[in-house]
Amino acid sequence: MLIVAAVWAASPPPSPPSVPVSRKAVARHLTMDQAVRMVERRYNARVVRAESIKRAGQTVYVLRLLDRAGRVFTVRIDASSGRIL
């Protein structure tokens, strides 16, 4: 005796339409902590003061550093690109 069972496969639900997203919309900003770690490694110095300012609608991190020789200097970082200004 042969038993035949019918299996009905339901089709998967349609996936939502993909919406193109520009790279600019998903771009990540550099956090203050990331900026501090980046400049401390690059300049082999310690950040002693950090602040965030707005310049022409962009966030800029202003970091004051102290190096091993005792020199104090300031570095500005564009938060959206991570570029040193």
N, C-alpha and C. Protein backbone atom coordinates (compact mmCIF):
# COMPACT_ATOMS: atom_id res chain seq x y z
N MET A 1 0.83 -1.15 0.00
CA MET A 1 0.00 0.00 0.00
C MET A 1 0.89 1.23 0.00
N LEU A 2 0.54 2.13 -0.80
CA LEU A 2 1.30 3.36 -0.97
C LEU A 2 0.48 4.51 -0.44
N ILE A 3 1.09 5.30 0.48
CA ILE A 3 0.39 6.45 1.05
C ILE A 3 1.02 7.70 0.47
N VAL A 4 0.19 8.51 -0.08
CA VAL A 4 0.67 9.74 -0.69
C VAL A 4 0.12 10.91 0.10
N ALA A 5 0.99 11.75 0.53
CA ALA A 5 0.55 12.91 1.29
C ALA A 5 0.86 14.15 0.47
N ALA A 6 -0.07 14.99 0.40
CA ALA A 6 0.14 16.25 -0.34
C ALA A 6 0.66 17.29 0.63
N VAL A 7 1.70 17.93 0.23
CA VAL A 7 2.28 18.97 1.07
C VAL A 7 2.09 20.28 0.34
N TRP A 8 1.40 21.16 0.98
CA TRP A 8 1.17 22.47 0.39
C TRP A 8 2.16 23.44 1.00
N ALA A 9 2.98 23.93 0.17
CA ALA A 9 3.99 24.89 0.64
C ALA A 9 3.44 26.30 0.45
N ALA A 10 3.41 26.98 1.53
CA ALA A 10 2.96 28.37 1.45
C ALA A 10 4.11 29.22 0.95
N SER A 11 3.80 30.15 0.10
CA SER A 11 4.87 31.03 -0.40
C SER A 11 5.26 31.99 0.71
N PRO A 12 6.54 32.33 0.78
CA PRO A 12 6.98 33.25 1.83
C PRO A 12 6.36 34.63 1.63
N PRO A 13 6.17 35.37 2.71
CA PRO A 13 5.59 36.70 2.57
C PRO A 13 6.52 37.59 1.76
N PRO A 14 5.93 38.49 1.00
CA PRO A 14 6.78 39.36 0.18
C PRO A 14 7.64 40.25 1.07
N SER A 15 8.89 40.46 0.65
CA SER A 15 9.77 41.32 1.42
C SER A 15 9.41 42.78 1.15
N PRO A 16 9.63 43.64 2.12
CA PRO A 16 9.30 45.04 1.91
C PRO A 16 10.18 45.62 0.81
N PRO A 17 9.65 46.57 0.09
CA PRO A 17 10.47 47.15 -0.99
C PRO A 17 11.71 47.82 -0.43
N SER A 18 12.80 47.66 -1.14
CA SER A 18 14.02 48.29 -0.67
C SER A 18 14.00 49.77 -1.01
N VAL A 19 14.46 50.54 -0.07
CA VAL A 19 14.51 51.98 -0.27
C VAL A 19 15.97 52.38 -0.34
N PRO A 20 16.38 52.99 -1.44
CA PRO A 20 17.78 53.39 -1.51
C PRO A 20 18.11 54.43 -0.46
N VAL A 21 19.23 54.24 0.20
CA VAL A 21 19.66 55.17 1.24
C VAL A 21 21.02 55.70 0.83
N SER A 22 21.15 57.00 0.87
CA SER A 22 22.43 57.58 0.49
C SER A 22 23.46 57.31 1.58
N ARG A 23 24.71 57.29 1.20
CA ARG A 23 25.79 57.08 2.18
C ARG A 23 25.80 58.19 3.21
N LYS A 24 25.43 59.37 2.78
CA LYS A 24 25.43 60.50 3.70
C LYS A 24 24.43 60.29 4.83
N ALA A 25 23.29 59.67 4.51
CA ALA A 25 22.25 59.46 5.51
C ALA A 25 22.67 58.45 6.56
N VAL A 26 23.52 57.49 6.20
CA VAL A 26 23.92 56.47 7.17
C VAL A 26 25.32 56.70 7.70
N ALA A 27 25.93 57.80 7.34
CA ALA A 27 27.28 58.08 7.80
C ALA A 27 27.30 58.21 9.32
N ARG A 28 28.31 57.63 9.92
CA ARG A 28 28.44 57.72 11.37
C ARG A 28 29.33 58.89 11.72
N HIS A 29 28.97 59.53 12.80
CA HIS A 29 29.79 60.62 13.29
C HIS A 29 30.78 60.06 14.30
N LEU A 30 31.92 60.68 14.34
CA LEU A 30 32.93 60.34 15.32
C LEU A 30 32.46 60.83 16.68
N THR A 31 32.50 59.98 17.69
CA THR A 31 32.10 60.41 19.02
C THR A 31 33.27 61.16 19.67
N MET A 32 32.96 61.86 20.72
CA MET A 32 34.01 62.58 21.45
C MET A 32 35.05 61.59 21.98
N ASP A 33 34.61 60.46 22.52
CA ASP A 33 35.54 59.46 23.04
C ASP A 33 36.46 58.92 21.95
N GLN A 34 35.89 58.68 20.77
CA GLN A 34 36.71 58.19 19.66
C GLN A 34 37.73 59.24 19.23
N ALA A 35 37.31 60.50 19.20
CA ALA A 35 38.22 61.58 18.82
C ALA A 35 39.36 61.71 19.83
N VAL A 36 39.04 61.60 21.11
CA VAL A 36 40.07 61.69 22.15
C VAL A 36 41.08 60.56 21.99
N ARG A 37 40.61 59.33 21.84
CA ARG A 37 41.52 58.20 21.68
C ARG A 37 42.39 58.35 20.43
N MET A 38 41.77 58.84 19.35
CA MET A 38 42.49 59.00 18.09
C MET A 38 43.65 59.99 18.23
N VAL A 39 43.40 61.17 18.81
CA VAL A 39 44.47 62.17 18.89
C VAL A 39 45.50 61.81 19.96
N GLU A 40 45.09 61.14 21.03
CA GLU A 40 46.07 60.72 22.03
C GLU A 40 47.07 59.75 21.43
N ARG A 41 46.60 58.83 20.60
CA ARG A 41 47.52 57.89 19.94
C ARG A 41 48.37 58.60 18.89
N ARG A 42 47.74 59.46 18.10
CA ARG A 42 48.46 60.11 17.00
C ARG A 42 49.57 61.04 17.50
N TYR A 43 49.27 61.80 18.55
CA TYR A 43 50.23 62.80 19.04
C TYR A 43 51.01 62.34 20.27
N ASN A 44 50.74 61.13 20.76
CA ASN A 44 51.40 60.62 21.95
C ASN A 44 51.33 61.66 23.07
N ALA A 45 50.11 62.12 23.31
CA ALA A 45 49.86 63.16 24.31
C ALA A 45 48.54 62.83 25.01
N ARG A 46 48.29 63.53 26.10
CA ARG A 46 47.08 63.31 26.88
C ARG A 46 46.13 64.46 26.69
N VAL A 47 44.85 64.16 26.44
CA VAL A 47 43.84 65.20 26.33
C VAL A 47 43.50 65.68 27.73
N VAL A 48 43.63 66.99 27.96
CA VAL A 48 43.34 67.56 29.27
C VAL A 48 42.05 68.37 29.27
N ARG A 49 41.55 68.68 28.08
CA ARG A 49 40.28 69.39 27.97
C ARG A 49 39.66 69.05 26.62
N ALA A 50 38.35 68.83 26.62
CA ALA A 50 37.64 68.51 25.38
C ALA A 50 36.30 69.21 25.39
N GLU A 51 35.97 69.83 24.26
CA GLU A 51 34.66 70.46 24.13
C GLU A 51 34.16 70.30 22.71
N SER A 52 32.86 70.40 22.57
CA SER A 52 32.21 70.29 21.28
C SER A 52 31.61 71.64 20.92
N ILE A 53 31.88 72.11 19.70
CA ILE A 53 31.31 73.39 19.26
C ILE A 53 30.65 73.19 17.91
N LYS A 54 29.80 74.12 17.54
CA LYS A 54 29.18 74.13 16.22
C LYS A 54 29.85 75.21 15.40
N ARG A 55 30.30 74.83 14.20
CA ARG A 55 30.92 75.78 13.29
C ARG A 55 30.29 75.56 11.92
N ALA A 56 29.60 76.57 11.42
CA ALA A 56 28.93 76.50 10.11
C ALA A 56 28.02 75.27 10.03
N GLY A 57 27.31 75.00 11.11
CA GLY A 57 26.38 73.88 11.13
C GLY A 57 27.00 72.52 11.34
N GLN A 58 28.31 72.44 11.47
CA GLN A 58 29.01 71.18 11.68
C GLN A 58 29.53 71.10 13.11
N THR A 59 29.57 69.90 13.64
CA THR A 59 30.12 69.70 14.97
C THR A 59 31.64 69.56 14.86
N VAL A 60 32.32 70.32 15.70
CA VAL A 60 33.79 70.27 15.75
C VAL A 60 34.19 70.01 17.19
N TYR A 61 35.10 69.04 17.37
CA TYR A 61 35.64 68.77 18.69
C TYR A 61 36.93 69.56 18.85
N VAL A 62 37.02 70.31 19.93
CA VAL A 62 38.22 71.09 20.22
C VAL A 62 38.88 70.40 21.41
N LEU A 63 40.07 69.85 21.17
CA LEU A 63 40.77 69.06 22.18
C LEU A 63 42.09 69.74 22.53
N ARG A 64 42.29 69.94 23.82
CA ARG A 64 43.56 70.50 24.29
C ARG A 64 44.38 69.35 24.83
N LEU A 65 45.63 69.27 24.36
CA LEU A 65 46.50 68.15 24.72
C LEU A 65 47.74 68.63 25.44
N LEU A 66 48.30 67.73 26.24
CA LEU A 66 49.55 67.97 26.96
C LEU A 66 50.49 66.83 26.58
N ASP A 67 51.65 67.19 26.00
CA ASP A 67 52.60 66.14 25.61
C ASP A 67 53.61 65.89 26.74
N ARG A 68 54.49 64.92 26.53
CA ARG A 68 55.45 64.52 27.57
C ARG A 68 56.45 65.61 27.90
N ALA A 69 56.68 66.52 26.95
CA ALA A 69 57.63 67.62 27.19
C ALA A 69 56.95 68.77 27.94
N GLY A 70 55.66 68.65 28.23
CA GLY A 70 54.96 69.69 28.97
C GLY A 70 54.32 70.74 28.08
N ARG A 71 54.36 70.55 26.77
CA ARG A 71 53.75 71.51 25.84
C ARG A 71 52.26 71.26 25.75
N VAL A 72 51.51 72.36 25.71
CA VAL A 72 50.06 72.29 25.55
C VAL A 72 49.72 72.79 24.15
N PHE A 73 48.87 72.04 23.45
CA PHE A 73 48.45 72.45 22.11
C PHE A 73 47.01 72.02 21.88
N THR A 74 46.39 72.60 20.86
CA THR A 74 44.99 72.37 20.57
C THR A 74 44.85 71.70 19.21
N VAL A 75 43.95 70.73 19.14
CA VAL A 75 43.63 70.04 17.90
C VAL A 75 42.13 70.12 17.71
N ARG A 76 41.70 70.40 16.48
CA ARG A 76 40.27 70.46 16.15
C ARG A 76 39.95 69.31 15.20
N ILE A 77 38.85 68.62 15.49
CA ILE A 77 38.44 67.46 14.71
C ILE A 77 37.03 67.69 14.17
N ASP A 78 36.84 67.46 12.88
CA ASP A 78 35.51 67.50 12.28
C ASP A 78 34.81 66.20 12.67
N ALA A 79 33.71 66.30 13.43
CA ALA A 79 33.04 65.12 13.95
C ALA A 79 32.41 64.26 12.86
N SER A 80 32.00 64.86 11.75
CA SER A 80 31.34 64.06 10.72
C SER A 80 32.32 63.27 9.88
N SER A 81 33.54 63.76 9.70
CA SER A 81 34.50 63.05 8.86
C SER A 81 35.66 62.45 9.64
N GLY A 82 35.92 62.96 10.85
CA GLY A 82 37.07 62.50 11.62
C GLY A 82 38.36 63.18 11.18
N ARG A 83 38.23 64.14 10.30
CA ARG A 83 39.41 64.84 9.77
C ARG A 83 39.93 65.86 10.77
N ILE A 84 41.24 65.94 10.89
CA ILE A 84 41.87 66.94 11.74
C ILE A 84 41.90 68.24 10.97
N LEU A 85 41.38 69.28 11.59
CA LEU A 85 41.30 70.58 10.92
C LEU A 85 42.51 71.43 11.21
